[in-house]
C-alpha atoms as a PDB file:
ATOM      1  CA  MET A   1       0.026  -0.058  -0.034  1.00  0.00           C
ATOM      2  CA  SER A   2       1.518   3.315  -1.006  1.00  0.00           C
ATOM      3  CA  LEU A   3       1.800   6.211   1.251  1.00  0.00           C
ATOM      4  CA  ARG A   4      -0.925   8.182  -0.827  1.00  0.00           C
ATOM      5  CA  VAL A   5      -3.421   5.303  -0.519  1.00  0.00           C
ATOM      6  CA  PHE A   6      -2.759   4.863   3.166  1.00  0.00           C
ATOM      7  CA  HIS A   7      -3.492   8.641   3.788  1.00  0.00           C
ATOM      8  CA  ILE A   8      -6.588   8.660   1.800  1.00  0.00           C
ATOM      9  CA  VAL A   9      -8.037   5.706   3.614  1.00  0.00           C
ATOM     10  CA  PHE A  10      -6.892   6.944   7.006  1.00  0.00           C
ATOM     11  CA  ILE A  11      -8.183  10.493   6.581  1.00  0.00           C
ATOM     12  CA  THR A  12     -11.648   9.260   5.119  1.00  0.00           C
ATOM     13  CA  VAL A  13     -12.129   6.814   8.014  1.00  0.00           C
ATOM     14  CA  SER A  14     -11.039   9.528  10.558  1.00  0.00           C
ATOM     15  CA  VAL A  15     -13.423  11.975   9.100  1.00  0.00           C
ATOM     16  CA  ALA A  16     -16.279   9.559   9.198  1.00  0.00           C
ATOM     17  CA  LEU A  17     -15.469   8.698  12.750  1.00  0.00           C
ATOM     18  CA  MET A  18     -15.665  12.331  13.562  1.00  0.00           C
ATOM     19  CA  LEU A  19     -19.007  12.759  11.948  1.00  0.00           C
ATOM     20  CA  TYR A  20     -20.244   9.850  13.924  1.00  0.00           C
ATOM     21  CA  LEU A  21     -18.964  11.344  17.135  1.00  0.00           C
ATOM     22  CA  THR A  22     -20.685  14.619  16.205  1.00  0.00           C
ATOM     23  CA  ALA A  23     -24.023  12.846  15.566  1.00  0.00           C
ATOM     24  CA  TRP A  24     -23.585  11.023  18.822  1.00  0.00           C
ATOM     25  CA  GLY A  25     -23.037  14.217  20.611  1.00  0.00           C
ATOM     26  CA  VAL A  26     -26.145  15.863  19.059  1.00  0.00           C
ATOM     27  CA  ARG A  27     -28.216  12.798  19.957  1.00  0.00           C
ATOM     28  CA  ASP A  28     -26.828  12.801  23.550  1.00  0.00           C
ATOM     29  CA  PHE A  29     -27.510  16.610  23.939  1.00  0.00           C
ATOM     30  CA  ILE A  30     -31.037  16.343  22.723  1.00  0.00           C
ATOM     31  CA  ALA A  31     -31.747  13.339  25.070  1.00  0.00           C
ATOM     32  CA  ALA A  32     -30.066  14.423  28.172  1.00  0.00           C
ATOM     33  CA  ARG A  33     -28.998  18.124  27.811  1.00  0.00           C
ATOM     34  CA  SER A  34     -25.677  17.131  29.082  1.00  0.00           C
ATOM     35  CA  SER A  35     -22.312  18.981  28.736  1.00  0.00           C
ATOM     36  CA  LEU A  36     -20.717  15.881  27.599  1.00  0.00           C
ATOM     37  CA  GLY A  37     -22.978  16.091  24.337  1.00  0.00           C
ATOM     38  CA  ILE A  38     -21.819  19.652  23.682  1.00  0.00           C
ATOM     39  CA  SER A  39     -18.148  18.587  24.313  1.00  0.00           C
ATOM     40  CA  MET A  40     -18.512  15.642  21.780  1.00  0.00           C
ATOM     41  CA  ILE A  41     -20.003  18.135  19.184  1.00  0.00           C
ATOM     42  CA  ILE A  42     -17.262  20.610  19.574  1.00  0.00           C
ATOM     43  CA  PHE A  43     -14.512  17.921  19.397  1.00  0.00           C
ATOM     44  CA  GLY A  44     -16.257  16.112  16.491  1.00  0.00           C
ATOM     45  CA  VAL A  45     -16.475  19.330  14.385  1.00  0.00           C
ATOM     46  CA  THR A  46     -13.076  20.713  15.341  1.00  0.00           C
ATOM     47  CA  GLY A  47     -11.407  17.337  14.640  1.00  0.00           C
ATOM     48  CA  GLY A  48     -13.294  16.764  11.508  1.00  0.00           C
ATOM     49  CA  ALA A  49     -12.382  20.142  10.119  1.00  0.00           C
ATOM     50  CA  SER A  50      -8.675  19.774  11.203  1.00  0.00           C
ATOM     51  CA  LEU A  51      -8.589  16.396   9.440  1.00  0.00           C
ATOM     52  CA  VAL A  52      -9.923  17.849   6.217  1.00  0.00           C
ATOM     53  CA  TRP A  53      -7.433  20.625   6.405  1.00  0.00           C
ATOM     54  CA  TYR A  54      -4.635  18.154   7.136  1.00  0.00           C
ATOM     55  CA  GLY A  55      -5.735  15.869   4.190  1.00  0.00           C
ATOM     56  CA  MET A  56      -5.825  18.691   1.791  1.00  0.00           C
ATOM     57  CA  ARG A  57      -2.272  19.822   2.858  1.00  0.00           C
ATOM     58  CA  VAL A  58      -0.917  16.171   2.554  1.00  0.00           C
ATOM     59  CA  PHE A  59      -2.620  15.493  -0.795  1.00  0.00           C
ATOM     60  CA  HIS A  60      -0.969  18.627  -2.256  1.00  0.00           C
ATOM     61  CA  LYS A  61       2.480  17.541  -0.932  1.00  0.00           C
ATOM     62  CA  LEU A  62       1.975  13.948  -2.127  1.00  0.00           C
ATOM     63  CA  LYS A  63       1.252  15.032  -5.640  1.00  0.00           C
ATOM     64  CA  GLU A  64       4.776  16.395  -5.925  1.00  0.00           C
ATOM     65  CA  LEU A  65       6.219  12.771  -5.120  1.00  0.00           C
ATOM     66  CA  PRO A  66       6.928  10.412  -7.983  1.00  0.00           C
END
């Protein structure tokens, strides 16, 4: 497995997990009005956005490799 393929798979799975965490936080907040739900939402959105940013930067750098 090449470095490019590994990063595509890793970033895609990680972003999917962050989306799941965000949805779980929304569901928890709606059900229990807990601060844990808000924390999961914030972490999920921030983590997902950071992973997308990281993925875009890595893909641009990996285009330069042979």
